[in-house]
Amino acid sequence: MTLSTTTTGKSHLTKIQELRRALAAKKDVAGCVVSGLDEVAWLFNMRGSDVHCNPVFFAYAIITPNDVQLYLQQESISKEVKDHLGSAVQIKPYDTIYEDLKTLSETLQGTEQRMLLGTRSNLALSVALGKGKAVEGRSPVTDAKAIKNETELDGMRRCHLRDAAAVINYFAWLEEELTKGRTLDEADGAEHLQRFRA
């Protein structure tokens, strides 16, 4: 599923440009590998269902000053996704990231440039880059994701108002049921609260 700027406040292209500016400020960094599933989903304004009860999808991304590569499983690639990402993002098969990192590492040989890996990245990504071509650090996407824009803040406020209304309806129902003398257990209460929230 893709999200429009009416929900996110910024297009994925704007977020990528801001990420590139943050990377340019770091000495000797040629780009970054985005491996946190939440970070990839936020950066590209997309959501998925690959992880139970979590709106993420299995993916990696490599961002450099000139290229954006998004590594997805075949079943995640739809016409909607292709149209959303546009020509600025190259979609590649999920499992090819390791070979691409090895190739990228070869292009960095003889330079001081290294690729930034977030502290939550797996070891296989670092190994694929090879000795001396990966630098581990806090992902700039984590920081950017934490700073909400006005559209995101407004969405959170509206979400909390809807949830507050659901909880108020639940408490009204609960009071009515208890006044009738009905005996309820935690499972009954949780089930009804979920219905109001749904």
N, C-alpha and C. Protein backbone atom coordinates (compact mmCIF):
# COMPACT_ATOMS: atom_id res chain seq x y z
N MET A 1 0.84 -1.17 0.00
CA MET A 1 0.00 0.00 0.00
C MET A 1 0.89 1.24 0.00
N THR A 2 0.50 2.22 -0.76
CA THR A 2 1.26 3.47 -0.82
C THR A 2 0.47 4.58 -0.12
N LEU A 3 1.20 5.56 0.40
CA LEU A 3 0.57 6.67 1.10
C LEU A 3 0.83 7.96 0.33
N SER A 4 -0.19 8.80 0.26
CA SER A 4 -0.04 10.08 -0.43
C SER A 4 0.48 11.14 0.54
N THR A 5 0.85 12.27 0.00
CA THR A 5 1.37 13.36 0.84
C THR A 5 0.28 13.95 1.72
N THR A 6 -1.00 13.71 1.42
CA THR A 6 -2.06 14.19 2.32
C THR A 6 -2.00 13.45 3.65
N THR A 7 -1.40 12.27 3.66
CA THR A 7 -1.22 11.50 4.89
C THR A 7 0.16 11.72 5.49
N THR A 8 1.18 11.77 4.64
CA THR A 8 2.57 11.81 5.12
C THR A 8 3.14 13.22 5.25
N GLY A 9 2.60 14.17 4.50
CA GLY A 9 3.12 15.54 4.56
C GLY A 9 4.32 15.78 3.67
N LYS A 10 5.01 14.71 3.25
CA LYS A 10 6.19 14.83 2.37
C LYS A 10 6.21 13.64 1.43
N SER A 11 6.62 13.89 0.21
CA SER A 11 6.76 12.79 -0.74
C SER A 11 8.03 12.00 -0.41
N HIS A 12 8.10 10.79 -0.92
CA HIS A 12 9.31 9.98 -0.69
C HIS A 12 10.52 10.64 -1.35
N LEU A 13 10.31 11.34 -2.45
CA LEU A 13 11.43 12.01 -3.12
C LEU A 13 12.00 13.14 -2.27
N THR A 14 11.12 13.86 -1.58
CA THR A 14 11.57 14.92 -0.67
C THR A 14 12.35 14.32 0.49
N LYS A 15 11.84 13.22 1.04
CA LYS A 15 12.53 12.55 2.15
C LYS A 15 13.91 12.05 1.71
N ILE A 16 13.99 11.53 0.50
CA ILE A 16 15.28 11.04 -0.01
C ILE A 16 16.26 12.20 -0.19
N GLN A 17 15.79 13.33 -0.69
CA GLN A 17 16.67 14.50 -0.84
C GLN A 17 17.18 14.98 0.52
N GLU A 18 16.29 14.97 1.52
CA GLU A 18 16.71 15.38 2.87
C GLU A 18 17.72 14.39 3.44
N LEU A 19 17.53 13.10 3.17
CA LEU A 19 18.49 12.08 3.61
C LEU A 19 19.83 12.30 2.93
N ARG A 20 19.82 12.61 1.66
CA ARG A 20 21.08 12.87 0.94
C ARG A 20 21.82 14.07 1.53
N ARG A 21 21.08 15.11 1.92
CA ARG A 21 21.73 16.27 2.55
C ARG A 21 22.36 15.87 3.89
N ALA A 22 21.66 15.05 4.65
CA ALA A 22 22.21 14.60 5.92
C ALA A 22 23.46 13.75 5.71
N LEU A 23 23.47 12.93 4.68
CA LEU A 23 24.64 12.10 4.38
C LEU A 23 25.81 12.94 3.89
N ALA A 24 25.52 13.98 3.11
CA ALA A 24 26.57 14.85 2.58
C ALA A 24 27.31 15.56 3.70
N ALA A 25 26.63 15.77 4.83
CA ALA A 25 27.27 16.44 5.96
C ALA A 25 28.22 15.52 6.73
N LYS A 26 28.15 14.23 6.44
CA LYS A 26 29.03 13.26 7.13
C LYS A 26 30.30 13.06 6.31
N LYS A 27 31.42 13.14 6.98
CA LYS A 27 32.71 13.00 6.30
C LYS A 27 32.92 11.57 5.81
N ASP A 28 33.36 11.44 4.58
CA ASP A 28 33.75 10.16 3.99
C ASP A 28 32.61 9.14 3.87
N VAL A 29 31.37 9.60 3.80
CA VAL A 29 30.24 8.69 3.63
C VAL A 29 29.74 8.79 2.19
N ALA A 30 29.74 7.63 1.50
CA ALA A 30 29.32 7.59 0.10
C ALA A 30 27.82 7.39 -0.05
N GLY A 31 27.16 6.97 1.01
CA GLY A 31 25.73 6.69 0.97
C GLY A 31 25.36 5.86 2.17
N CYS A 32 24.14 5.35 2.16
CA CYS A 32 23.73 4.52 3.29
C CYS A 32 22.87 3.36 2.84
N VAL A 33 22.88 2.34 3.68
CA VAL A 33 22.02 1.18 3.50
C VAL A 33 20.92 1.30 4.54
N VAL A 34 19.69 1.33 4.10
CA VAL A 34 18.55 1.41 5.01
C VAL A 34 18.02 -0.01 5.17
N SER A 35 18.14 -0.52 6.39
CA SER A 35 17.74 -1.91 6.62
C SER A 35 16.60 -2.07 7.62
N GLY A 36 16.30 -1.06 8.39
CA GLY A 36 15.17 -1.13 9.33
C GLY A 36 13.87 -1.13 8.54
N LEU A 37 13.04 -2.13 8.76
CA LEU A 37 11.79 -2.23 7.98
C LEU A 37 10.90 -1.01 8.18
N ASP A 38 10.85 -0.49 9.41
CA ASP A 38 10.07 0.72 9.67
C ASP A 38 10.65 1.91 8.94
N GLU A 39 11.97 1.96 8.84
CA GLU A 39 12.63 3.08 8.16
C GLU A 39 12.37 3.05 6.66
N VAL A 40 12.43 1.87 6.07
CA VAL A 40 12.15 1.74 4.63
C VAL A 40 10.70 2.15 4.36
N ALA A 41 9.77 1.65 5.17
CA ALA A 41 8.35 1.98 4.99
C ALA A 41 8.12 3.48 5.09
N TRP A 42 8.74 4.12 6.10
CA TRP A 42 8.57 5.56 6.28
C TRP A 42 9.21 6.33 5.12
N LEU A 43 10.43 5.96 4.75
CA LEU A 43 11.17 6.70 3.72
C LEU A 43 10.45 6.69 2.38
N PHE A 44 9.84 5.57 2.03
CA PHE A 44 9.20 5.45 0.72
C PHE A 44 7.68 5.64 0.76
N ASN A 45 7.15 6.03 1.92
CA ASN A 45 5.71 6.25 2.08
C ASN A 45 4.91 5.03 1.63
N MET A 46 5.31 3.88 2.13
CA MET A 46 4.64 2.64 1.80
C MET A 46 4.36 1.85 3.08
N ARG A 47 3.37 0.98 3.01
CA ARG A 47 3.06 0.09 4.13
C ARG A 47 2.84 -1.31 3.58
N GLY A 48 3.00 -2.31 4.45
CA GLY A 48 2.83 -3.69 4.03
C GLY A 48 2.29 -4.54 5.16
N SER A 49 2.27 -5.84 4.94
CA SER A 49 1.74 -6.76 5.94
C SER A 49 2.60 -8.03 6.06
N ASP A 50 3.89 -7.91 5.79
CA ASP A 50 4.77 -9.07 5.87
C ASP A 50 5.02 -9.53 7.30
N VAL A 51 4.88 -8.62 8.26
CA VAL A 51 5.10 -8.93 9.67
C VAL A 51 3.75 -8.78 10.38
N HIS A 52 3.33 -9.84 11.07
CA HIS A 52 2.03 -9.85 11.75
C HIS A 52 1.90 -8.65 12.69
N CYS A 53 0.77 -7.95 12.61
CA CYS A 53 0.44 -6.80 13.47
C CYS A 53 1.44 -5.66 13.33
N ASN A 54 2.06 -5.53 12.17
CA ASN A 54 3.05 -4.47 11.94
C ASN A 54 2.94 -4.05 10.48
N PRO A 55 2.82 -2.77 10.19
CA PRO A 55 2.56 -2.33 8.80
C PRO A 55 3.83 -2.20 7.95
N VAL A 56 4.70 -3.20 8.00
CA VAL A 56 5.96 -3.13 7.27
C VAL A 56 6.06 -4.27 6.25
N PHE A 57 7.09 -4.22 5.43
CA PHE A 57 7.33 -5.24 4.41
C PHE A 57 8.83 -5.50 4.37
N PHE A 58 9.21 -6.69 3.92
CA PHE A 58 10.63 -7.04 3.85
C PHE A 58 11.28 -6.26 2.73
N ALA A 59 12.30 -5.48 3.06
CA ALA A 59 12.95 -4.64 2.07
C ALA A 59 14.26 -4.09 2.61
N TYR A 60 15.10 -3.69 1.69
CA TYR A 60 16.32 -2.92 1.96
C TYR A 60 16.33 -1.77 0.97
N ALA A 61 17.14 -0.77 1.26
CA ALA A 61 17.36 0.31 0.29
C ALA A 61 18.80 0.77 0.37
N ILE A 62 19.34 1.16 -0.77
CA ILE A 62 20.66 1.77 -0.83
C ILE A 62 20.45 3.17 -1.41
N ILE A 63 20.90 4.16 -0.67
CA ILE A 63 20.77 5.55 -1.10
C ILE A 63 22.17 6.12 -1.27
N THR A 64 22.48 6.61 -2.46
CA THR A 64 23.73 7.30 -2.74
C THR A 64 23.38 8.67 -3.33
N PRO A 65 24.36 9.53 -3.55
CA PRO A 65 24.03 10.84 -4.14
C PRO A 65 23.35 10.75 -5.51
N ASN A 66 23.58 9.66 -6.24
CA ASN A 66 23.03 9.57 -7.59
C ASN A 66 21.99 8.48 -7.80
N ASP A 67 21.91 7.52 -6.87
CA ASP A 67 21.02 6.38 -7.08
C ASP A 67 20.17 6.09 -5.85
N VAL A 68 18.99 5.54 -6.12
CA VAL A 68 18.12 5.01 -5.08
C VAL A 68 17.70 3.62 -5.53
N GLN A 69 18.07 2.62 -4.75
CA GLN A 69 17.71 1.25 -5.08
C GLN A 69 16.88 0.68 -3.93
N LEU A 70 15.72 0.16 -4.28
CA LEU A 70 14.82 -0.44 -3.30
C LEU A 70 14.73 -1.93 -3.60
N TYR A 71 15.08 -2.74 -2.61
CA TYR A 71 15.12 -4.19 -2.78
C TYR A 71 13.85 -4.79 -2.18
N LEU A 72 13.01 -5.37 -3.04
CA LEU A 72 11.71 -5.90 -2.62
C LEU A 72 11.55 -7.35 -3.05
N GLN A 73 10.70 -8.07 -2.32
CA GLN A 73 10.31 -9.40 -2.75
C GLN A 73 9.34 -9.25 -3.92
N GLN A 74 9.35 -10.19 -4.81
CA GLN A 74 8.56 -10.11 -6.03
C GLN A 74 7.08 -9.84 -5.75
N GLU A 75 6.53 -10.49 -4.72
CA GLU A 75 5.10 -10.34 -4.43
C GLU A 75 4.75 -8.94 -3.91
N SER A 76 5.74 -8.17 -3.53
CA SER A 76 5.49 -6.80 -3.05
C SER A 76 5.45 -5.78 -4.18
N ILE A 77 5.84 -6.21 -5.38
CA ILE A 77 5.94 -5.27 -6.50
C ILE A 77 4.64 -5.32 -7.31
N SER A 78 3.88 -4.25 -7.22
CA SER A 78 2.63 -4.13 -7.97
C SER A 78 2.72 -2.89 -8.86
N LYS A 79 1.71 -2.74 -9.70
CA LYS A 79 1.66 -1.55 -10.56
C LYS A 79 1.54 -0.30 -9.69
N GLU A 80 0.76 -0.40 -8.60
CA GLU A 80 0.60 0.73 -7.68
C GLU A 80 1.96 1.15 -7.11
N VAL A 81 2.76 0.17 -6.71
CA VAL A 81 4.08 0.46 -6.14
C VAL A 81 4.99 1.09 -7.19
N LYS A 82 5.00 0.53 -8.40
CA LYS A 82 5.84 1.08 -9.47
C LYS A 82 5.44 2.51 -9.80
N ASP A 83 4.14 2.74 -9.91
CA ASP A 83 3.66 4.09 -10.22
C ASP A 83 4.02 5.07 -9.10
N HIS A 84 3.88 4.62 -7.87
CA HIS A 84 4.17 5.47 -6.70
C HIS A 84 5.65 5.85 -6.67
N LEU A 85 6.53 4.87 -6.87
CA LEU A 85 7.97 5.13 -6.75
C LEU A 85 8.50 5.93 -7.93
N GLY A 86 7.96 5.72 -9.12
CA GLY A 86 8.40 6.45 -10.29
C GLY A 86 9.77 6.02 -10.78
N SER A 87 10.30 6.77 -11.71
CA SER A 87 11.56 6.41 -12.35
C SER A 87 12.79 6.74 -11.50
N ALA A 88 12.61 7.51 -10.46
CA ALA A 88 13.76 7.91 -9.62
C ALA A 88 14.23 6.78 -8.70
N VAL A 89 13.38 5.76 -8.51
CA VAL A 89 13.72 4.64 -7.63
C VAL A 89 13.82 3.37 -8.47
N GLN A 90 14.96 2.73 -8.38
CA GLN A 90 15.18 1.48 -9.10
C GLN A 90 14.75 0.33 -8.19
N ILE A 91 13.79 -0.47 -8.64
CA ILE A 91 13.32 -1.62 -7.87
C ILE A 91 14.15 -2.84 -8.27
N LYS A 92 14.68 -3.54 -7.25
CA LYS A 92 15.53 -4.69 -7.51
C LYS A 92 15.06 -5.88 -6.67
N PRO A 93 15.40 -7.09 -7.10
CA PRO A 93 15.02 -8.27 -6.31
C PRO A 93 15.66 -8.24 -4.92
N TYR A 94 14.89 -8.63 -3.93
CA TYR A 94 15.28 -8.57 -2.53
C TYR A 94 16.64 -9.19 -2.25
N ASP A 95 16.89 -10.38 -2.77
CA ASP A 95 18.12 -11.12 -2.45
C ASP A 95 19.37 -10.62 -3.16
N THR A 96 19.23 -9.66 -4.07
CA THR A 96 20.40 -9.20 -4.82
C THR A 96 21.19 -8.12 -4.10
N ILE A 97 20.73 -7.69 -2.93
CA ILE A 97 21.42 -6.60 -2.25
C ILE A 97 22.86 -6.97 -1.90
N TYR A 98 23.09 -8.21 -1.52
CA TYR A 98 24.45 -8.60 -1.09
C TYR A 98 25.45 -8.52 -2.24
N GLU A 99 25.05 -8.99 -3.40
CA GLU A 99 25.93 -8.88 -4.58
C GLU A 99 26.13 -7.43 -4.96
N ASP A 100 25.08 -6.64 -4.88
CA ASP A 100 25.19 -5.21 -5.22
C ASP A 100 26.10 -4.48 -4.25
N LEU A 101 26.06 -4.86 -2.97
CA LEU A 101 26.96 -4.23 -2.00
C LEU A 101 28.41 -4.61 -2.29
N LYS A 102 28.66 -5.84 -2.69
CA LYS A 102 30.03 -6.24 -3.06
C LYS A 102 30.52 -5.41 -4.25
N THR A 103 29.66 -5.24 -5.25
CA THR A 103 30.01 -4.43 -6.42
C THR A 103 30.26 -2.99 -6.02
N LEU A 104 29.40 -2.45 -5.17
CA LEU A 104 29.55 -1.07 -4.69
C LEU A 104 30.86 -0.91 -3.93
N SER A 105 31.19 -1.90 -3.12
CA SER A 105 32.43 -1.87 -2.35
C SER A 105 33.64 -1.79 -3.28
N GLU A 106 33.57 -2.53 -4.39
CA GLU A 106 34.68 -2.51 -5.35
C GLU A 106 34.85 -1.12 -5.96
N THR A 107 33.75 -0.42 -6.19
CA THR A 107 33.86 0.94 -6.76
C THR A 107 34.42 1.93 -5.75
N LEU A 108 34.32 1.59 -4.46
CA LEU A 108 34.85 2.48 -3.41
C LEU A 108 36.31 2.20 -3.07
N GLN A 109 36.85 1.10 -3.60
CA GLN A 109 38.25 0.77 -3.31
C GLN A 109 39.16 1.90 -3.81
N GLY A 110 40.17 2.18 -3.03
CA GLY A 110 41.10 3.25 -3.38
C GLY A 110 40.63 4.64 -2.97
N THR A 111 39.45 4.69 -2.31
CA THR A 111 38.94 5.97 -1.80
C THR A 111 38.75 5.85 -0.30
N GLU A 112 38.52 6.97 0.34
CA GLU A 112 38.23 6.97 1.78
C GLU A 112 36.74 6.79 2.04
N GLN A 113 35.95 6.73 0.99
CA GLN A 113 34.49 6.64 1.11
C GLN A 113 34.04 5.29 1.66
N ARG A 114 33.03 5.34 2.53
CA ARG A 114 32.43 4.14 3.10
C ARG A 114 30.92 4.29 3.10
N MET A 115 30.23 3.17 3.25
CA MET A 115 28.77 3.18 3.32
C MET A 115 28.33 3.14 4.79
N LEU A 116 27.35 3.96 5.10
CA LEU A 116 26.82 4.02 6.46
C LEU A 116 25.79 2.90 6.65
N LEU A 117 25.99 2.12 7.69
CA LEU A 117 25.03 1.09 8.09
C LEU A 117 24.46 1.48 9.44
N GLY A 118 23.16 1.40 9.58
CA GLY A 118 22.53 1.69 10.86
C GLY A 118 22.94 0.67 11.91
N THR A 119 22.83 1.04 13.16
CA THR A 119 23.25 0.16 14.24
C THR A 119 22.38 -1.09 14.36
N ARG A 120 21.23 -1.10 13.69
CA ARG A 120 20.36 -2.28 13.71
C ARG A 120 20.56 -3.16 12.48
N SER A 121 21.54 -2.87 11.66
CA SER A 121 21.78 -3.65 10.44
C SER A 121 22.33 -5.03 10.77
N ASN A 122 22.06 -6.00 9.88
CA ASN A 122 22.58 -7.33 10.13
C ASN A 122 24.03 -7.44 9.66
N LEU A 123 24.74 -8.39 10.21
CA LEU A 123 26.16 -8.58 9.93
C LEU A 123 26.42 -8.89 8.46
N ALA A 124 25.49 -9.58 7.81
CA ALA A 124 25.68 -9.96 6.41
C ALA A 124 25.87 -8.74 5.51
N LEU A 125 25.23 -7.63 5.83
CA LEU A 125 25.39 -6.41 5.03
C LEU A 125 26.81 -5.87 5.15
N SER A 126 27.33 -5.86 6.36
CA SER A 126 28.69 -5.40 6.60
C SER A 126 29.70 -6.31 5.91
N VAL A 127 29.48 -7.62 5.99
CA VAL A 127 30.37 -8.58 5.35
C VAL A 127 30.35 -8.40 3.84
N ALA A 128 29.18 -8.15 3.27
CA ALA A 128 29.07 -7.95 1.83
C ALA A 128 29.85 -6.72 1.38
N LEU A 129 29.87 -5.68 2.19
CA LEU A 129 30.63 -4.48 1.85
C LEU A 129 32.13 -4.71 1.96
N GLY A 130 32.52 -5.60 2.82
CA GLY A 130 33.94 -5.91 2.96
C GLY A 130 34.61 -5.03 4.00
N LYS A 131 35.80 -5.45 4.35
CA LYS A 131 36.56 -4.80 5.41
C LYS A 131 36.86 -3.34 5.06
N GLY A 132 36.50 -2.47 5.98
CA GLY A 132 36.84 -1.06 5.84
C GLY A 132 35.88 -0.23 4.99
N LYS A 133 34.86 -0.86 4.42
CA LYS A 133 33.95 -0.10 3.56
C LYS A 133 32.57 0.12 4.18
N ALA A 134 32.43 -0.28 5.44
CA ALA A 134 31.18 -0.05 6.17
C ALA A 134 31.50 0.72 7.44
N VAL A 135 30.70 1.71 7.73
CA VAL A 135 30.81 2.43 8.99
C VAL A 135 29.45 2.33 9.67
N GLU A 136 29.48 1.89 10.92
CA GLU A 136 28.23 1.74 11.65
C GLU A 136 27.94 3.01 12.42
N GLY A 137 26.69 3.43 12.38
CA GLY A 137 26.29 4.64 13.09
C GLY A 137 24.78 4.75 13.15
N ARG A 138 24.34 5.73 13.87
CA ARG A 138 22.90 5.96 13.98
C ARG A 138 22.35 6.33 12.61
N SER A 139 21.28 5.70 12.23
CA SER A 139 20.68 5.96 10.93
C SER A 139 20.05 7.35 10.90
N PRO A 140 20.36 8.16 9.89
CA PRO A 140 19.72 9.47 9.78
C PRO A 140 18.21 9.36 9.54
N VAL A 141 17.77 8.20 9.04
CA VAL A 141 16.33 8.00 8.83
C VAL A 141 15.62 7.92 10.18
N THR A 142 16.25 7.32 11.17
CA THR A 142 15.66 7.24 12.51
C THR A 142 15.38 8.63 13.05
N ASP A 143 16.34 9.53 12.90
CA ASP A 143 16.15 10.90 13.40
C ASP A 143 15.08 11.64 12.60
N ALA A 144 15.12 11.50 11.28
CA ALA A 144 14.13 12.20 10.44
C ALA A 144 12.72 11.69 10.73
N LYS A 145 12.60 10.41 10.94
CA LYS A 145 11.30 9.79 11.23
C LYS A 145 10.73 10.29 12.56
N ALA A 146 11.60 10.60 13.50
CA ALA A 146 11.17 11.03 14.83
C ALA A 146 10.63 12.46 14.84
N ILE A 147 11.04 13.27 13.89
CA ILE A 147 10.61 14.67 13.84
C ILE A 147 9.37 14.76 12.96
N LYS A 148 8.20 14.86 13.57
CA LYS A 148 6.94 14.84 12.84
C LYS A 148 6.66 16.19 12.19
N ASN A 149 6.19 16.14 10.94
CA ASN A 149 5.77 17.38 10.28
C ASN A 149 4.32 17.66 10.67
N GLU A 150 3.81 18.81 10.25
CA GLU A 150 2.48 19.24 10.69
C GLU A 150 1.38 18.27 10.24
N THR A 151 1.51 17.69 9.07
CA THR A 151 0.51 16.73 8.59
C THR A 151 0.51 15.49 9.47
N GLU A 152 1.69 15.00 9.82
CA GLU A 152 1.79 13.83 10.69
C GLU A 152 1.24 14.13 12.08
N LEU A 153 1.56 15.31 12.60
CA LEU A 153 1.04 15.70 13.92
C LEU A 153 -0.48 15.79 13.90
N ASP A 154 -1.03 16.37 12.85
CA ASP A 154 -2.48 16.48 12.73
C ASP A 154 -3.12 15.10 12.66
N GLY A 155 -2.50 14.19 11.92
CA GLY A 155 -3.01 12.82 11.83
C GLY A 155 -3.00 12.13 13.19
N MET A 156 -1.94 12.35 13.96
CA MET A 156 -1.87 11.75 15.29
C MET A 156 -2.95 12.32 16.21
N ARG A 157 -3.17 13.63 16.12
CA ARG A 157 -4.21 14.25 16.95
C ARG A 157 -5.59 13.68 16.61
N ARG A 158 -5.88 13.58 15.29
CA ARG A 158 -7.17 13.05 14.87
C ARG A 158 -7.33 11.59 15.29
N CYS A 159 -6.26 10.83 15.23
CA CYS A 159 -6.29 9.42 15.66
C CYS A 159 -6.61 9.32 17.15
N HIS A 160 -5.99 10.17 17.95
CA HIS A 160 -6.24 10.14 19.40
C HIS A 160 -7.68 10.56 19.72
N LEU A 161 -8.23 11.50 18.96
CA LEU A 161 -9.62 11.90 19.18
C LEU A 161 -10.57 10.75 18.87
N ARG A 162 -10.31 10.04 17.76
CA ARG A 162 -11.15 8.89 17.42
C ARG A 162 -11.04 7.80 18.49
N ASP A 163 -9.82 7.57 18.97
CA ASP A 163 -9.63 6.55 19.99
C ASP A 163 -10.31 6.97 21.30
N ALA A 164 -10.23 8.24 21.64
CA ALA A 164 -10.88 8.73 22.87
C ALA A 164 -12.39 8.52 22.78
N ALA A 165 -12.96 8.76 21.62
CA ALA A 165 -14.41 8.55 21.44
C ALA A 165 -14.75 7.07 21.62
N ALA A 166 -13.91 6.19 21.10
CA ALA A 166 -14.15 4.75 21.25
C ALA A 166 -14.08 4.33 22.71
N VAL A 167 -13.10 4.86 23.45
CA VAL A 167 -12.95 4.51 24.87
C VAL A 167 -14.13 5.06 25.68
N ILE A 168 -14.60 6.27 25.35
CA ILE A 168 -15.76 6.84 26.04
C ILE A 168 -16.99 5.98 25.80
N ASN A 169 -17.19 5.54 24.56
CA ASN A 169 -18.31 4.65 24.25
C ASN A 169 -18.19 3.34 25.01
N TYR A 170 -16.99 2.84 25.12
CA TYR A 170 -16.75 1.60 25.88
C TYR A 170 -17.11 1.78 27.35
N PHE A 171 -16.66 2.89 27.95
CA PHE A 171 -16.97 3.11 29.37
C PHE A 171 -18.48 3.28 29.58
N ALA A 172 -19.16 3.93 28.63
CA ALA A 172 -20.62 4.08 28.74
C ALA A 172 -21.28 2.70 28.67
N TRP A 173 -20.83 1.86 27.76
CA TRP A 173 -21.35 0.50 27.64
C TRP A 173 -21.08 -0.28 28.92
N LEU A 174 -19.84 -0.18 29.44
CA LEU A 174 -19.45 -0.90 30.64
C LEU A 174 -20.32 -0.49 31.83
N GLU A 175 -20.52 0.81 31.99
CA GLU A 175 -21.34 1.30 33.10
C GLU A 175 -22.77 0.77 32.98
N GLU A 176 -23.30 0.78 31.77
CA GLU A 176 -24.66 0.29 31.55
C GLU A 176 -24.78 -1.19 31.88
N GLU A 177 -23.79 -1.98 31.44
CA GLU A 177 -23.81 -3.42 31.70
C GLU A 177 -23.70 -3.71 33.20
N LEU A 178 -22.83 -3.00 33.89
CA LEU A 178 -22.66 -3.23 35.33
C LEU A 178 -23.88 -2.77 36.11
N THR A 179 -24.53 -1.69 35.66
CA THR A 179 -25.76 -1.21 36.29
C THR A 179 -26.86 -2.25 36.16
N LYS A 180 -26.86 -3.00 35.06
CA LYS A 180 -27.85 -4.07 34.85
C LYS A 180 -27.54 -5.30 35.71
N GLY A 181 -26.36 -5.29 36.37
CA GLY A 181 -25.98 -6.41 37.21
C GLY A 181 -25.24 -7.51 36.48
N ARG A 182 -24.84 -7.23 35.29
CA ARG A 182 -24.13 -8.25 34.51
C ARG A 182 -22.71 -8.44 35.04
N THR A 183 -22.26 -9.67 35.08
CA THR A 183 -20.90 -9.98 35.50
C THR A 183 -20.03 -10.11 34.25
N LEU A 184 -18.96 -9.34 34.22
CA LEU A 184 -18.06 -9.34 33.05
C LEU A 184 -16.66 -9.74 33.49
N ASP A 185 -15.96 -10.42 32.63
CA ASP A 185 -14.55 -10.69 32.91
C ASP A 185 -13.68 -9.87 31.96
N GLU A 186 -12.38 -9.98 32.11
CA GLU A 186 -11.46 -9.17 31.30
C GLU A 186 -11.59 -9.46 29.81
N ALA A 187 -11.84 -10.71 29.48
CA ALA A 187 -11.98 -11.08 28.06
C ALA A 187 -13.19 -10.40 27.44
N ASP A 188 -14.33 -10.37 28.17
CA ASP A 188 -15.53 -9.68 27.68
C ASP A 188 -15.23 -8.20 27.44
N GLY A 189 -14.58 -7.59 28.44
CA GLY A 189 -14.26 -6.17 28.33
C GLY A 189 -13.34 -5.88 27.16
N ALA A 190 -12.29 -6.69 27.01
CA ALA A 190 -11.32 -6.48 25.94
C ALA A 190 -11.97 -6.65 24.57
N GLU A 191 -12.86 -7.65 24.47
CA GLU A 191 -13.55 -7.89 23.20
C GLU A 191 -14.42 -6.70 22.80
N HIS A 192 -15.16 -6.16 23.77
CA HIS A 192 -16.03 -5.02 23.46
C HIS A 192 -15.21 -3.75 23.17
N LEU A 193 -14.13 -3.56 23.90
CA LEU A 193 -13.30 -2.39 23.63
C LEU A 193 -12.72 -2.47 22.21
N GLN A 194 -12.31 -3.66 21.80
CA GLN A 194 -11.79 -3.84 20.44
C GLN A 194 -12.87 -3.51 19.40
N ARG A 195 -14.09 -3.90 19.67
CA ARG A 195 -15.20 -3.60 18.73
C ARG A 195 -15.40 -2.09 18.59
N PHE A 196 -15.37 -1.38 19.74
CA PHE A 196 -15.54 0.08 19.68
C PHE A 196 -14.38 0.72 18.92
N ARG A 197 -13.18 0.24 19.14
CA ARG A 197 -12.01 0.81 18.45
C ARG A 197 -12.02 0.47 16.96
N ALA A 198 -12.55 -0.66 16.61
CA ALA A 198 -12.61 -1.05 15.19
C ALA A 198 -13.53 -0.14 14.41
